[in-house]
Amino acid sequence: MITRTEPANISDSGLLKTLLEAAQSRLNFLPDIVVADMGYIDQEIKKQLRTQYGVAVVTRARSNMLAPEECEEDGCPSCPQGQRLIWECYVSHEKSHLYHPPSRGDICMICPEKNQCQKEFRFPPDDHETFLGIIPLHSRLAKQLLARIRPLVEAGFEADKNRFNLSGFFINSLELACTLSYLADACNILTLTAEFRSHHGRRYKEVDRQSLRQLELPLGPPKRR
């Protein structure tokens, strides 16, 4: 849907915000969640996407990253007495997470302040955008996204590299790399068109329109920024 070809010295994180803004502009669409590899771990980009667009960027943490002081090693916050807390939700208008203690927490049972405990704790994602983004890294949701969704994306990348022999290309020209990217995208769309033609009439028409648009192939020199 959106293709950008940039020089090799542009970081992945620097491309993510641009890609999402292009998707919003061209397709009037923004995903709620982006599951990405370590190339997209930049904390400032994650913060911008969270605060400006409400997009959650979920990545694994680097091995040398330390969770905030009030959190355990996996990033799960604890109360002042050390009880591990349960994530409830991200409160967007407050830009903070709402946590509560477990109903039968080990420390809660013997806590000297249990009668005064408000049973609610708030932690801002600003403390660490990887451990405490819109979807905290320790949460079951984040773990499932990384365990189930990310491998599917990686398999798609590998299939394209092998099918189109992309790993065999080294192109020291942005113009030629842009051309190759459009051709690879066109091959993917034509493959989808062939599959949908056999089984999905309505979706076939939609993809067929995309095929015609993609095959126009604007192969001129990319616009310089």
Protein backbone atom coordinates (compact mmCIF):
# COMPACT_ATOMS: atom_id res chain seq x y z
CA MET A 1 0.00 0.00 0.00
CA ILE A 2 2.81 2.39 0.89
CA THR A 3 6.34 2.04 -0.49
CA ARG A 4 9.33 4.21 0.33
CA THR A 5 12.88 3.72 -0.87
CA GLU A 6 15.56 5.52 1.10
CA PRO A 7 19.38 5.42 1.32
CA ALA A 8 20.90 2.77 3.56
CA ASN A 9 21.97 5.34 6.16
CA ILE A 10 18.34 6.13 7.08
CA SER A 11 17.30 4.27 10.24
CA ASP A 12 14.16 2.15 10.34
CA SER A 13 12.80 4.25 13.20
CA GLY A 14 13.11 7.36 11.09
CA LEU A 15 10.96 5.75 8.38
CA LEU A 16 8.14 4.52 10.60
CA LYS A 17 6.55 7.88 11.37
CA THR A 18 6.79 8.90 7.71
CA LEU A 19 5.15 5.65 6.55
CA LEU A 20 2.26 6.01 9.00
CA GLU A 21 1.70 9.63 8.04
CA ALA A 22 1.62 8.59 4.38
CA ALA A 23 -0.93 5.87 5.19
CA GLN A 24 -3.11 8.41 6.95
CA SER A 25 -2.82 10.89 4.10
CA ARG A 26 -3.32 8.48 1.17
CA LEU A 27 -5.57 5.83 2.70
CA ASN A 28 -7.20 7.67 5.62
CA PHE A 29 -5.99 4.79 7.79
CA LEU A 30 -3.82 4.44 10.88
CA PRO A 31 -3.24 1.14 12.67
CA ASP A 32 -3.86 0.97 16.40
CA ILE A 33 -0.82 -1.26 16.93
CA VAL A 34 2.50 -1.67 15.13
CA VAL A 35 4.46 -4.84 15.99
CA ALA A 36 8.03 -4.19 14.94
CA ASP A 37 11.54 -5.57 15.21
CA MET A 38 14.42 -4.02 17.14
CA GLY A 39 15.16 -1.60 14.33
CA TYR A 40 12.13 0.43 15.42
CA ILE A 41 12.98 0.69 19.11
CA ASP A 42 13.72 4.44 19.11
CA GLN A 43 12.09 5.87 22.25
CA GLU A 44 11.42 9.34 20.87
CA ILE A 45 9.65 8.01 17.76
CA LYS A 46 7.49 5.75 19.93
CA LYS A 47 6.57 8.72 22.11
CA GLN A 48 5.65 10.86 19.10
CA LEU A 49 3.42 8.15 17.65
CA ARG A 50 1.78 7.56 21.03
CA THR A 51 1.07 11.21 21.84
CA GLN A 52 0.25 12.49 18.34
CA TYR A 53 -1.59 9.55 16.81
CA GLY A 54 -2.40 7.11 19.63
CA VAL A 55 -0.44 4.34 17.86
CA ALA A 56 1.14 1.65 20.02
CA VAL A 57 4.57 0.48 18.80
CA VAL A 58 5.47 -2.87 20.37
CA THR A 59 9.07 -4.11 20.20
CA ARG A 60 11.22 -6.29 22.38
CA ALA A 61 13.63 -4.57 24.77
CA ARG A 62 17.37 -4.62 24.21
CA SER A 63 19.35 -6.85 26.56
CA ASN A 64 21.10 -3.83 28.09
CA MET A 65 17.87 -1.90 28.75
CA LEU A 66 16.87 -1.41 32.37
CA ALA A 67 13.26 -1.09 33.44
CA PRO A 68 12.23 1.98 35.51
CA GLU A 69 13.08 1.89 39.21
CA GLU A 70 9.51 1.20 40.33
CA CYS A 71 9.30 -1.82 37.99
CA GLU A 72 10.55 -5.37 38.09
CA GLU A 73 13.04 -6.68 35.53
CA ASP A 74 10.35 -7.40 32.94
CA GLY A 75 8.95 -3.87 33.29
CA CYS A 76 5.94 -4.71 35.47
CA PRO A 77 5.41 -1.95 38.08
CA SER A 78 5.25 -2.67 41.79
CA CYS A 79 3.59 -0.78 44.61
CA PRO A 80 5.79 1.03 47.21
CA GLN A 81 5.71 -2.13 49.34
CA GLY A 82 6.96 -4.30 46.48
CA GLN A 83 3.74 -6.00 45.38
CA ARG A 84 3.68 -6.80 41.67
CA LEU A 85 0.70 -5.01 40.11
CA ILE A 86 -1.81 -5.94 37.40
CA TRP A 87 -2.19 -3.77 34.30
CA GLU A 88 -5.77 -2.63 33.71
CA CYS A 89 -5.62 -0.17 30.81
CA TYR A 90 -3.95 2.85 29.23
CA VAL A 91 -5.90 6.03 30.00
CA SER A 92 -5.29 8.13 26.89
CA HIS A 93 -6.57 11.47 28.18
CA GLU A 94 -4.35 11.16 31.27
CA LYS A 95 -1.44 9.66 29.27
CA SER A 96 -0.86 7.11 32.01
CA HIS A 97 -1.42 3.45 32.80
CA LEU A 98 -3.87 2.28 35.43
CA TYR A 99 -2.73 -0.62 37.60
CA HIS A 100 -4.29 -2.38 40.56
CA PRO A 101 -2.99 -4.94 43.06
CA PRO A 102 -4.04 -8.60 42.78
CA SER A 103 -7.01 -9.66 44.86
CA ARG A 104 -4.85 -12.01 46.94
CA GLY A 105 -1.35 -10.65 46.60
CA ASP A 106 1.28 -12.19 48.91
CA ILE A 107 2.59 -8.81 50.06
CA CYS A 108 -0.92 -7.31 50.23
CA MET A 109 -1.92 -9.89 52.85
CA ILE A 110 0.75 -8.67 55.29
CA CYS A 111 1.02 -5.03 54.17
CA PRO A 112 0.86 -2.58 57.11
CA GLU A 113 -0.89 -0.04 54.85
CA LYS A 114 -3.52 -2.34 53.35
CA ASN A 115 -6.39 -0.50 55.06
CA GLN A 116 -5.24 2.82 53.57
CA CYS A 117 -4.39 1.44 50.12
CA GLN A 118 -6.33 3.18 47.34
CA LYS A 119 -6.07 0.05 45.16
CA GLU A 120 -5.14 2.15 42.11
CA PHE A 121 -1.71 3.08 40.82
CA ARG A 122 -0.77 5.17 37.78
CA PHE A 123 2.45 5.03 35.81
CA PRO A 124 3.28 7.27 32.81
CA PRO A 125 4.70 5.72 29.61
CA ASP A 126 7.21 8.58 29.65
CA ASP A 127 9.13 6.53 32.23
CA HIS A 128 10.14 4.14 29.43
CA GLU A 129 8.43 3.93 26.03
CA THR A 130 9.51 0.32 25.42
CA PHE A 131 8.61 -1.15 28.80
CA LEU A 132 5.60 1.12 29.37
CA GLY A 133 4.26 2.14 25.97
CA ILE A 134 0.54 2.10 25.23
CA ILE A 135 0.79 -1.68 25.56
CA PRO A 136 3.24 -2.51 28.39
CA LEU A 137 5.90 -5.01 27.38
CA HIS A 138 5.20 -7.27 30.38
CA SER A 139 1.49 -7.59 29.51
CA ARG A 140 -0.04 -10.76 28.12
CA LEU A 141 -1.18 -8.82 25.04
CA ALA A 142 2.32 -7.61 24.18
CA LYS A 143 3.77 -11.10 24.67
CA GLN A 144 1.14 -12.63 22.37
CA LEU A 145 1.70 -9.98 19.69
CA LEU A 146 5.45 -10.58 19.70
CA ALA A 147 5.13 -14.37 19.87
CA ARG A 148 2.35 -14.85 17.30
CA ILE A 149 2.17 -11.85 14.98
CA ARG A 150 5.83 -10.93 14.52
CA PRO A 151 6.89 -14.38 13.20
CA LEU A 152 4.18 -14.17 10.52
CA VAL A 153 5.60 -10.86 9.30
CA GLU A 154 9.14 -12.22 9.23
CA ALA A 155 8.02 -15.18 7.16
CA GLY A 156 6.49 -12.79 4.63
CA PHE A 157 9.75 -10.88 4.32
CA GLU A 158 11.69 -14.10 3.80
CA ALA A 159 9.25 -15.30 1.15
CA ASP A 160 9.67 -12.08 -0.83
CA LYS A 161 13.45 -12.21 -0.59
CA ASN A 162 13.51 -15.78 -1.88
CA ARG A 163 10.75 -15.45 -4.49
CA PHE A 164 12.16 -12.32 -6.08
CA ASN A 165 15.83 -13.05 -5.27
CA LEU A 166 16.03 -9.67 -3.54
CA SER A 167 18.95 -10.76 -1.38
CA GLY A 168 20.98 -11.19 -4.56
CA PHE A 169 20.78 -7.49 -5.40
CA PHE A 170 23.20 -4.83 -4.23
CA ILE A 171 22.25 -1.56 -5.86
CA ASN A 172 24.33 1.53 -5.27
CA SER A 173 21.68 3.74 -6.87
CA LEU A 174 18.55 5.08 -5.21
CA GLU A 175 16.77 5.34 -8.58
CA LEU A 176 17.38 1.66 -9.44
CA ALA A 177 16.47 0.55 -5.91
CA CYS A 178 13.20 2.48 -6.19
CA THR A 179 12.44 0.78 -9.51
CA LEU A 180 13.14 -2.67 -8.05
CA SER A 181 10.88 -1.92 -5.08
CA TYR A 182 7.96 -0.99 -7.34
CA LEU A 183 8.48 -4.10 -9.46
CA ALA A 184 8.54 -6.34 -6.37
CA ASP A 185 5.33 -4.71 -5.12
CA ALA A 186 3.73 -5.20 -8.53
CA CYS A 187 4.61 -8.91 -8.47
CA ASN A 188 3.01 -9.25 -5.03
CA ILE A 189 -0.18 -7.53 -6.13
CA LEU A 190 -0.41 -9.63 -9.30
CA THR A 191 -0.01 -12.78 -7.18
CA LEU A 192 -2.81 -11.64 -4.88
CA THR A 193 -4.96 -10.84 -7.92
CA ALA A 194 -4.52 -14.35 -9.27
CA GLU A 195 -5.40 -15.92 -5.90
CA PHE A 196 -8.46 -13.73 -5.34
CA ARG A 197 -9.72 -14.25 -8.87
CA SER A 198 -10.31 -17.92 -8.09
CA HIS A 199 -11.93 -17.57 -4.68
CA HIS A 200 -12.89 -14.00 -3.74
CA GLY A 201 -14.90 -12.09 -6.34
CA ARG A 202 -15.41 -8.80 -4.49
CA ARG A 203 -11.88 -8.66 -3.12
CA TYR A 204 -10.56 -9.59 -6.56
CA LYS A 205 -12.06 -6.43 -8.06
CA GLU A 206 -10.47 -4.30 -5.34
CA VAL A 207 -7.03 -5.87 -5.78
CA ASP A 208 -7.34 -5.69 -9.55
CA ARG A 209 -7.77 -1.92 -9.31
CA GLN A 210 -4.66 -1.80 -7.12
CA SER A 211 -2.79 -3.84 -9.74
CA LEU A 212 -3.58 -1.39 -12.50
CA ARG A 213 -2.51 1.53 -10.33
CA GLN A 214 0.71 -0.20 -9.28
CA LEU A 215 1.61 -1.13 -12.84
CA GLU A 216 1.72 2.52 -13.81
CA LEU A 217 5.14 2.35 -12.12
CA PRO A 218 6.38 5.92 -11.54
CA LEU A 219 9.94 4.96 -12.32
CA GLY A 220 11.39 8.45 -12.57
CA PRO A 221 13.99 9.74 -10.09
CA PRO A 222 12.56 9.92 -6.56
CA LYS A 223 11.85 13.34 -5.14
CA ARG A 224 14.67 14.68 -3.03
CA ARG A 225 13.86 16.01 0.43
